[in-house]
Amino acid sequence: MRSYLKSEIARAAGVSYRTFQRWLQQNRAILSEMGVMPRTQLIPAKAAQWICGQYGIDEREL
C-alpha cells in the first residue's frame, strides 16, 4: 500500500469528501498518532491501511 489523498479514499468508499472528513473526525486521536491532522491531504500508507480496515473499504479500489 502507498500514501493516498483523502479524496481518493473517499471516492473508493463511495462517499463525499465531506462525509469522509466526518468519518475521520470521529477517530481524530488515533489518526493524529499516525500523523494525520485535520488539514492533512496526503494520508500515509499505514494510516490509509487502518482507515480501509476500519470502514470496510476495498484497498484494491484505490
N, C-alpha and C. Protein backbone atom coordinates (compact mmCIF):
# COMPACT_ATOMS: atom_id res chain seq x y z
N MET A 1 0.85 -1.17 0.00
CA MET A 1 0.00 0.00 0.00
C MET A 1 0.90 1.23 0.00
N ARG A 2 0.40 2.30 -0.60
CA ARG A 2 1.14 3.55 -0.67
C ARG A 2 0.32 4.65 0.00
N SER A 3 0.82 5.86 -0.01
CA SER A 3 0.07 7.00 0.53
C SER A 3 -1.03 7.39 -0.45
N TYR A 4 -2.14 7.88 0.07
CA TYR A 4 -3.28 8.27 -0.77
C TYR A 4 -3.80 9.63 -0.33
N LEU A 5 -4.41 10.33 -1.28
CA LEU A 5 -5.11 11.57 -0.96
C LEU A 5 -6.44 11.22 -0.29
N LYS A 6 -6.90 12.09 0.57
CA LYS A 6 -8.19 11.86 1.22
C LYS A 6 -9.29 11.69 0.17
N SER A 7 -9.23 12.48 -0.88
CA SER A 7 -10.27 12.41 -1.92
C SER A 7 -10.27 11.05 -2.61
N GLU A 8 -9.10 10.42 -2.78
CA GLU A 8 -9.03 9.10 -3.40
C GLU A 8 -9.70 8.05 -2.52
N ILE A 9 -9.44 8.13 -1.23
CA ILE A 9 -10.04 7.15 -0.31
C ILE A 9 -11.55 7.37 -0.22
N ALA A 10 -11.98 8.63 -0.20
CA ALA A 10 -13.42 8.93 -0.16
C ALA A 10 -14.11 8.37 -1.39
N ARG A 11 -13.50 8.54 -2.56
CA ARG A 11 -14.07 8.02 -3.81
C ARG A 11 -14.18 6.50 -3.76
N ALA A 12 -13.14 5.83 -3.25
CA ALA A 12 -13.17 4.37 -3.14
C ALA A 12 -14.25 3.91 -2.16
N ALA A 13 -14.51 4.72 -1.13
CA ALA A 13 -15.54 4.38 -0.15
C ALA A 13 -16.95 4.67 -0.67
N GLY A 14 -17.03 5.46 -1.73
CA GLY A 14 -18.34 5.80 -2.30
C GLY A 14 -19.07 6.87 -1.53
N VAL A 15 -18.31 7.74 -0.86
CA VAL A 15 -18.92 8.84 -0.10
C VAL A 15 -18.31 10.16 -0.54
N SER A 16 -18.97 11.24 -0.17
CA SER A 16 -18.44 12.56 -0.50
C SER A 16 -17.22 12.86 0.37
N TYR A 17 -16.44 13.83 -0.07
CA TYR A 17 -15.25 14.23 0.69
C TYR A 17 -15.66 14.72 2.07
N ARG A 18 -16.75 15.46 2.15
CA ARG A 18 -17.23 16.00 3.43
C ARG A 18 -17.61 14.87 4.40
N THR A 19 -18.30 13.88 3.90
CA THR A 19 -18.68 12.73 4.73
C THR A 19 -17.43 12.01 5.21
N PHE A 20 -16.46 11.84 4.32
CA PHE A 20 -15.22 11.19 4.69
C PHE A 20 -14.50 11.97 5.79
N GLN A 21 -14.51 13.29 5.70
CA GLN A 21 -13.91 14.13 6.73
C GLN A 21 -14.59 13.89 8.08
N ARG A 22 -15.89 13.74 8.06
CA ARG A 22 -16.63 13.48 9.30
C ARG A 22 -16.25 12.12 9.88
N TRP A 23 -16.05 11.15 9.02
CA TRP A 23 -15.61 9.83 9.49
C TRP A 23 -14.28 9.96 10.21
N LEU A 24 -13.36 10.68 9.59
CA LEU A 24 -12.03 10.83 10.17
C LEU A 24 -12.07 11.60 11.48
N GLN A 25 -12.98 12.54 11.57
CA GLN A 25 -13.10 13.36 12.78
C GLN A 25 -13.45 12.48 13.99
N GLN A 26 -14.19 11.43 13.77
CA GLN A 26 -14.58 10.53 14.86
C GLN A 26 -13.39 9.78 15.44
N ASN A 27 -12.31 9.67 14.68
CA ASN A 27 -11.13 8.93 15.11
C ASN A 27 -9.90 9.83 15.14
N ARG A 28 -10.09 11.09 15.44
CA ARG A 28 -9.01 12.08 15.39
C ARG A 28 -7.81 11.68 16.25
N ALA A 29 -8.04 11.17 17.46
CA ALA A 29 -6.94 10.83 18.38
C ALA A 29 -6.06 9.72 17.80
N ILE A 30 -6.68 8.68 17.28
CA ILE A 30 -5.93 7.57 16.71
C ILE A 30 -5.16 8.03 15.48
N LEU A 31 -5.83 8.78 14.61
CA LEU A 31 -5.19 9.23 13.38
C LEU A 31 -4.06 10.22 13.63
N SER A 32 -4.19 11.06 14.65
CA SER A 32 -3.12 12.01 14.93
C SER A 32 -1.86 11.28 15.37
N GLU A 33 -2.01 10.14 16.04
CA GLU A 33 -0.85 9.33 16.41
C GLU A 33 -0.15 8.78 15.17
N MET A 34 -0.91 8.61 14.08
CA MET A 34 -0.34 8.10 12.83
C MET A 34 0.13 9.24 11.91
N GLY A 35 0.02 10.47 12.39
CA GLY A 35 0.50 11.60 11.60
C GLY A 35 -0.54 12.27 10.72
N VAL A 36 -1.82 11.96 10.94
CA VAL A 36 -2.89 12.55 10.14
C VAL A 36 -3.57 13.64 10.95
N MET A 37 -3.39 14.87 10.51
CA MET A 37 -4.03 16.02 11.15
C MET A 37 -5.24 16.44 10.31
N PRO A 38 -6.15 17.25 10.87
CA PRO A 38 -7.35 17.63 10.12
C PRO A 38 -7.08 18.23 8.74
N ARG A 39 -6.01 18.96 8.58
CA ARG A 39 -5.73 19.58 7.28
C ARG A 39 -4.79 18.77 6.39
N THR A 40 -4.38 17.62 6.86
CA THR A 40 -3.51 16.75 6.07
C THR A 40 -4.28 16.24 4.86
N GLN A 41 -3.70 16.37 3.67
CA GLN A 41 -4.35 15.88 2.46
C GLN A 41 -3.83 14.51 2.05
N LEU A 42 -2.54 14.27 2.27
CA LEU A 42 -1.92 13.01 1.89
C LEU A 42 -1.87 12.10 3.11
N ILE A 43 -2.60 11.00 3.03
CA ILE A 43 -2.68 10.04 4.14
C ILE A 43 -1.52 9.04 4.00
N PRO A 44 -0.68 8.92 5.04
CA PRO A 44 0.42 7.95 4.98
C PRO A 44 -0.11 6.52 4.80
N ALA A 45 0.72 5.66 4.25
CA ALA A 45 0.32 4.28 3.93
C ALA A 45 -0.25 3.54 5.14
N LYS A 46 0.40 3.63 6.28
CA LYS A 46 -0.07 2.92 7.48
C LYS A 46 -1.46 3.41 7.90
N ALA A 47 -1.68 4.72 7.86
CA ALA A 47 -2.98 5.28 8.22
C ALA A 47 -4.04 4.91 7.17
N ALA A 48 -3.67 4.91 5.90
CA ALA A 48 -4.61 4.54 4.84
C ALA A 48 -5.07 3.09 5.02
N GLN A 49 -4.14 2.23 5.37
CA GLN A 49 -4.48 0.83 5.59
C GLN A 49 -5.43 0.70 6.78
N TRP A 50 -5.17 1.44 7.86
CA TRP A 50 -6.04 1.39 9.03
C TRP A 50 -7.44 1.90 8.69
N ILE A 51 -7.51 3.01 7.95
CA ILE A 51 -8.81 3.59 7.56
C ILE A 51 -9.60 2.59 6.72
N CYS A 52 -8.94 1.96 5.75
CA CYS A 52 -9.62 0.97 4.90
C CYS A 52 -10.16 -0.19 5.73
N GLY A 53 -9.38 -0.65 6.67
CA GLY A 53 -9.84 -1.73 7.54
C GLY A 53 -10.98 -1.31 8.45
N GLN A 54 -10.90 -0.11 8.96
CA GLN A 54 -11.91 0.41 9.89
C GLN A 54 -13.27 0.60 9.22
N TYR A 55 -13.26 1.07 7.97
CA TYR A 55 -14.51 1.41 7.29
C TYR A 55 -14.88 0.43 6.19
N GLY A 56 -14.16 -0.67 6.09
CA GLY A 56 -14.52 -1.70 5.11
C GLY A 56 -14.33 -1.26 3.67
N ILE A 57 -13.31 -0.48 3.42
CA ILE A 57 -13.02 0.00 2.06
C ILE A 57 -12.08 -1.01 1.41
N ASP A 58 -12.42 -1.44 0.21
CA ASP A 58 -11.59 -2.39 -0.52
C ASP A 58 -10.34 -1.67 -1.02
N GLU A 59 -9.19 -2.09 -0.53
CA GLU A 59 -7.92 -1.45 -0.88
C GLU A 59 -7.60 -1.58 -2.36
N ARG A 60 -8.15 -2.59 -3.02
CA ARG A 60 -7.90 -2.78 -4.45
C ARG A 60 -8.57 -1.70 -5.29
N GLU A 61 -9.56 -1.01 -4.75
CA GLU A 61 -10.26 0.03 -5.50
C GLU A 61 -9.52 1.36 -5.46
N LEU A 62 -8.49 1.45 -4.66
CA LEU A 62 -7.71 2.69 -4.55
C LEU A 62 -6.74 2.81 -5.69
